Amino acid sequence: MQIALWIFIFLGTFSFMEFMAWFTHKYIMHGFLWVLHKDHHRKDHDSWFERNDAFFLFYAVVSMSFIMTAANTEFWYGWPIGFGIMAYGAAYFLVHDIFIHQRFKMFRKANNWYAKGIRRAHKMHHKHLGKDDSECFGMLFPPLKYFKSN
């Protein structure tokens, strides 16, 4: 029973993180912390690292806090929550930083239905260089309209 609950919490956390990514991106990154996110849209920096990477560090600390709490207390729920956040972060990094923005030159030839939809959605998000007027703030599960072929 406990393993099924562990898996349910892990998958629920992973899924909830898509909402958190959307919310954080729309209201925090394109809101009061635009100062950290704007270099990602404008590429007005000459470093491989971006101030935007601070958001990755924030969620890494949250994830590790749950895992460390679970390791040092009876709060076993921290394990699936922490690993769910970590797994979402890894998936986000793989899709956003490696696949879409090619921070590492990998998966360049991926051209399936999902890859095309993700690219199209992200391209529409980056269409605007400012913090206003952007669309499609999620990452792994953008609206279905981006998956329809033109």
C-alpha atoms as a PDB file:
ATOM      1  CA  MET A   1       0.000   0.000   0.000  1.00  0.00           C
ATOM      2  CA  GLN A   2       2.718   2.462   0.915  1.00  0.00           C
ATOM      3  CA  ILE A   3       4.588   1.976  -2.393  1.00  0.00           C
ATOM      4  CA  ALA A   4       1.415   2.733  -4.347  1.00  0.00           C
ATOM      5  CA  LEU A   5       0.914   5.885  -2.269  1.00  0.00           C
ATOM      6  CA  TRP A   6       4.587   6.817  -2.802  1.00  0.00           C
ATOM      7  CA  ILE A   7       4.154   6.485  -6.592  1.00  0.00           C
ATOM      8  CA  PHE A   8       0.866   8.430  -6.485  1.00  0.00           C
ATOM      9  CA  ILE A   9       2.493  11.297  -4.533  1.00  0.00           C
ATOM     10  CA  PHE A  10       5.520  11.295  -6.866  1.00  0.00           C
ATOM     11  CA  LEU A  11       3.352  11.448 -10.015  1.00  0.00           C
ATOM     12  CA  GLY A  12       1.020  14.011  -8.449  1.00  0.00           C
ATOM     13  CA  THR A  13       3.970  16.208  -7.500  1.00  0.00           C
ATOM     14  CA  PHE A  14       5.492  15.875 -10.968  1.00  0.00           C
ATOM     15  CA  SER A  15       2.162  16.875 -12.552  1.00  0.00           C
ATOM     16  CA  PHE A  16       1.607  19.728 -10.088  1.00  0.00           C
ATOM     17  CA  MET A  17       5.019  21.127 -11.018  1.00  0.00           C
ATOM     18  CA  GLU A  18       3.744  21.885 -14.529  1.00  0.00           C
ATOM     19  CA  PHE A  19       1.202  24.200 -12.903  1.00  0.00           C
ATOM     20  CA  MET A  20       3.949  25.664 -10.705  1.00  0.00           C
ATOM     21  CA  ALA A  21       6.166  26.232 -13.756  1.00  0.00           C
ATOM     22  CA  TRP A  22       3.294  27.982 -15.548  1.00  0.00           C
ATOM     23  CA  PHE A  23       2.383  30.092 -12.498  1.00  0.00           C
ATOM     24  CA  THR A  24       5.983  31.007 -11.674  1.00  0.00           C
ATOM     25  CA  HIS A  25       6.735  31.816 -15.301  1.00  0.00           C
ATOM     26  CA  LYS A  26       3.646  33.964 -15.859  1.00  0.00           C
ATOM     27  CA  TYR A  27       3.330  35.820 -12.561  1.00  0.00           C
ATOM     28  CA  ILE A  28       6.833  35.828 -11.082  1.00  0.00           C
ATOM     29  CA  MET A  29       9.312  35.600 -13.977  1.00  0.00           C
ATOM     30  CA  HIS A  30       7.208  37.929 -16.141  1.00  0.00           C
ATOM     31  CA  GLY A  31       6.252  39.902 -13.044  1.00  0.00           C
ATOM     32  CA  PHE A  32       8.284  41.216 -10.133  1.00  0.00           C
ATOM     33  CA  LEU A  33      11.351  39.047 -10.892  1.00  0.00           C
ATOM     34  CA  TRP A  34      11.570  40.023 -14.578  1.00  0.00           C
ATOM     35  CA  VAL A  35      15.037  41.371 -13.724  1.00  0.00           C
ATOM     36  CA  LEU A  36      16.193  37.730 -13.402  1.00  0.00           C
ATOM     37  CA  HIS A  37      14.291  36.434 -16.428  1.00  0.00           C
ATOM     38  CA  LYS A  38      14.750  39.154 -19.051  1.00  0.00           C
ATOM     39  CA  ASP A  39      18.221  38.018 -20.141  1.00  0.00           C
ATOM     40  CA  HIS A  40      16.635  34.732 -21.204  1.00  0.00           C
ATOM     41  CA  HIS A  41      14.364  36.569 -23.647  1.00  0.00           C
ATOM     42  CA  ARG A  42      16.788  39.215 -24.842  1.00  0.00           C
ATOM     43  CA  LYS A  43      20.085  37.349 -24.911  1.00  0.00           C
ATOM     44  CA  ASP A  44      21.739  40.590 -23.770  1.00  0.00           C
ATOM     45  CA  HIS A  45      24.498  38.729 -21.995  1.00  0.00           C
ATOM     46  CA  ASP A  46      27.720  37.117 -23.123  1.00  0.00           C
ATOM     47  CA  SER A  47      27.818  34.262 -20.636  1.00  0.00           C
ATOM     48  CA  TRP A  48      26.609  30.689 -21.005  1.00  0.00           C
ATOM     49  CA  PHE A  49      24.834  31.159 -17.673  1.00  0.00           C
ATOM     50  CA  GLU A  50      21.792  33.371 -17.335  1.00  0.00           C
ATOM     51  CA  ARG A  51      20.321  35.150 -14.315  1.00  0.00           C
ATOM     52  CA  ASN A  52      17.245  33.107 -15.225  1.00  0.00           C
ATOM     53  CA  ASP A  53      19.096  30.004 -13.968  1.00  0.00           C
ATOM     54  CA  ALA A  54      18.404  31.240 -10.417  1.00  0.00           C
ATOM     55  CA  PHE A  55      14.893  29.785 -10.716  1.00  0.00           C
ATOM     56  CA  PHE A  56      16.394  26.337 -11.269  1.00  0.00           C
ATOM     57  CA  LEU A  57      18.437  26.782  -8.096  1.00  0.00           C
ATOM     58  CA  PHE A  58      15.339  27.787  -6.128  1.00  0.00           C
ATOM     59  CA  TYR A  59      13.447  24.624  -7.067  1.00  0.00           C
ATOM     60  CA  ALA A  60      16.557  22.499  -6.467  1.00  0.00           C
ATOM     61  CA  VAL A  61      16.691  23.848  -2.903  1.00  0.00           C
ATOM     62  CA  VAL A  62      12.968  23.133  -2.425  1.00  0.00           C
ATOM     63  CA  SER A  63      13.430  19.583  -3.735  1.00  0.00           C
ATOM     64  CA  MET A  64      16.470  18.889  -1.584  1.00  0.00           C
ATOM     65  CA  SER A  65      14.715  20.342   1.468  1.00  0.00           C
ATOM     66  CA  PHE A  66      11.929  17.778   1.139  1.00  0.00           C
ATOM     67  CA  ILE A  67      14.425  14.959   0.617  1.00  0.00           C
ATOM     68  CA  MET A  68      16.596  16.017   3.567  1.00  0.00           C
ATOM     69  CA  THR A  69      13.547  16.384   5.800  1.00  0.00           C
ATOM     70  CA  ALA A  70      12.436  12.870   4.857  1.00  0.00           C
ATOM     71  CA  ALA A  71      15.927  11.514   5.504  1.00  0.00           C
ATOM     72  CA  ASN A  72      16.111  13.069   8.978  1.00  0.00           C
ATOM     73  CA  THR A  73      12.545  12.765  10.246  1.00  0.00           C
ATOM     74  CA  GLU A  74       9.520  10.486  10.104  1.00  0.00           C
ATOM     75  CA  PHE A  75       8.038  12.613   7.284  1.00  0.00           C
ATOM     76  CA  TRP A  76       8.408   9.958   4.576  1.00  0.00           C
ATOM     77  CA  TYR A  77       6.161  11.947   2.225  1.00  0.00           C
ATOM     78  CA  GLY A  78       9.164  14.187   1.653  1.00  0.00           C
ATOM     79  CA  TRP A  79      10.817  11.480  -0.452  1.00  0.00           C
ATOM     80  CA  PRO A  80       8.215  11.302  -3.239  1.00  0.00           C
ATOM     81  CA  ILE A  81       7.582  15.059  -3.116  1.00  0.00           C
ATOM     82  CA  GLY A  82      11.282  15.891  -3.338  1.00  0.00           C
ATOM     83  CA  PHE A  83      11.948  13.353  -6.066  1.00  0.00           C
ATOM     84  CA  GLY A  84       8.829  14.466  -7.962  1.00  0.00           C
ATOM     85  CA  ILE A  85      10.113  18.050  -7.995  1.00  0.00           C
ATOM     86  CA  MET A  86      13.568  16.800  -8.993  1.00  0.00           C
ATOM     87  CA  ALA A  87      12.186  14.657 -11.832  1.00  0.00           C
ATOM     88  CA  TYR A  88      10.162  17.583 -13.171  1.00  0.00           C
ATOM     89  CA  GLY A  89      13.248  19.791 -12.986  1.00  0.00           C
ATOM     90  CA  ALA A  90      15.253  17.214 -14.945  1.00  0.00           C
ATOM     91  CA  ALA A  91      12.494  16.925 -17.576  1.00  0.00           C
ATOM     92  CA  TYR A  92      12.207  20.711 -17.791  1.00  0.00           C
ATOM     93  CA  PHE A  93      15.977  21.062 -18.216  1.00  0.00           C
ATOM     94  CA  LEU A  94      16.023  18.366 -20.884  1.00  0.00           C
ATOM     95  CA  VAL A  95      13.156  19.896 -22.873  1.00  0.00           C
ATOM     96  CA  HIS A  96      13.780  23.611 -22.330  1.00  0.00           C
ATOM     97  CA  ASP A  97      17.524  24.034 -22.030  1.00  0.00           C
ATOM     98  CA  ILE A  98      18.819  21.114 -24.067  1.00  0.00           C
ATOM     99  CA  PHE A  99      16.128  20.418 -26.688  1.00  0.00           C
ATOM    100  CA  ILE A 100      14.658  23.884 -27.314  1.00  0.00           C
ATOM    101  CA  HIS A 101      17.495  26.304 -26.540  1.00  0.00           C
ATOM    102  CA  GLN A 102      20.311  23.899 -27.445  1.00  0.00           C
ATOM    103  CA  ARG A 103      22.532  24.791 -24.486  1.00  0.00           C
ATOM    104  CA  PHE A 104      24.029  21.410 -25.259  1.00  0.00           C
ATOM    105  CA  LYS A 105      23.947  20.359 -28.886  1.00  0.00           C
ATOM    106  CA  MET A 106      21.684  17.335 -28.555  1.00  0.00           C
ATOM    107  CA  PHE A 107      18.328  16.177 -29.948  1.00  0.00           C
ATOM    108  CA  ARG A 108      18.638  18.540 -32.918  1.00  0.00           C
ATOM    109  CA  LYS A 109      16.896  16.166 -35.320  1.00  0.00           C
ATOM    110  CA  ALA A 110      13.910  15.347 -33.123  1.00  0.00           C
ATOM    111  CA  ASN A 111      10.954  16.066 -35.360  1.00  0.00           C
ATOM    112  CA  ASN A 112       7.986  14.128 -34.020  1.00  0.00           C
ATOM    113  CA  TRP A 113       4.538  15.477 -33.151  1.00  0.00           C
ATOM    114  CA  TYR A 114       5.471  16.338 -29.550  1.00  0.00           C
ATOM    115  CA  ALA A 115       8.821  17.939 -30.481  1.00  0.00           C
ATOM    116  CA  LYS A 116       7.183  20.151 -33.122  1.00  0.00           C
ATOM    117  CA  GLY A 117       4.431  21.229 -30.718  1.00  0.00           C
ATOM    118  CA  ILE A 118       6.843  22.076 -27.916  1.00  0.00           C
ATOM    119  CA  ARG A 119       9.066  24.070 -30.276  1.00  0.00           C
ATOM    120  CA  ARG A 120       6.077  25.942 -31.732  1.00  0.00           C
ATOM    121  CA  ALA A 121       4.697  26.825 -28.283  1.00  0.00           C
ATOM    122  CA  HIS A 122       8.045  28.045 -27.027  1.00  0.00           C
ATOM    123  CA  LYS A 123       8.680  30.052 -30.180  1.00  0.00           C
ATOM    124  CA  MET A 124       5.375  31.837 -29.626  1.00  0.00           C
ATOM    125  CA  HIS A 125       6.405  32.565 -26.037  1.00  0.00           C
ATOM    126  CA  HIS A 126       9.696  34.120 -27.149  1.00  0.00           C
ATOM    127  CA  LYS A 127       8.020  36.115 -29.915  1.00  0.00           C
ATOM    128  CA  HIS A 128       7.832  39.096 -27.523  1.00  0.00           C
ATOM    129  CA  LEU A 129      11.066  40.384 -26.011  1.00  0.00           C
ATOM    130  CA  GLY A 130       9.425  42.270 -23.164  1.00  0.00           C
ATOM    131  CA  LYS A 131       7.692  40.960 -20.079  1.00  0.00           C
ATOM    132  CA  ASP A 132       4.212  41.757 -21.379  1.00  0.00           C
ATOM    133  CA  ASP A 133       2.144  40.178 -24.152  1.00  0.00           C
ATOM    134  CA  SER A 134       3.796  36.747 -23.955  1.00  0.00           C
ATOM    135  CA  GLU A 135       1.750  33.566 -24.219  1.00  0.00           C
ATOM    136  CA  CYS A 136       2.212  29.894 -23.429  1.00  0.00           C
ATOM    137  CA  PHE A 137       3.956  29.908 -20.063  1.00  0.00           C
ATOM    138  CA  GLY A 138       3.889  26.152 -19.410  1.00  0.00           C
ATOM    139  CA  MET A 139       6.569  23.773 -20.618  1.00  0.00           C
ATOM    140  CA  LEU A 140       5.886  20.058 -20.891  1.00  0.00           C
ATOM    141  CA  PHE A 141       2.136  20.231 -21.572  1.00  0.00           C
ATOM    142  CA  PRO A 142       1.371  23.352 -23.642  1.00  0.00           C
ATOM    143  CA  PRO A 143      -2.128  23.899 -25.089  1.00  0.00           C
ATOM    144  CA  LEU A 144      -3.151  21.468 -27.821  1.00  0.00           C
ATOM    145  CA  LYS A 145      -3.379  24.237 -30.426  1.00  0.00           C
ATOM    146  CA  TYR A 146       0.420  24.165 -30.713  1.00  0.00           C
ATOM    147  CA  PHE A 147       0.341  20.529 -31.739  1.00  0.00           C
ATOM    148  CA  LYS A 148      -1.935  21.043 -34.733  1.00  0.00           C
ATOM    149  CA  SER A 149      -0.034  21.113 -38.006  1.00  0.00           C
ATOM    150  CA  ASN A 150      -0.351  24.161 -40.210  1.00  0.00           C
END
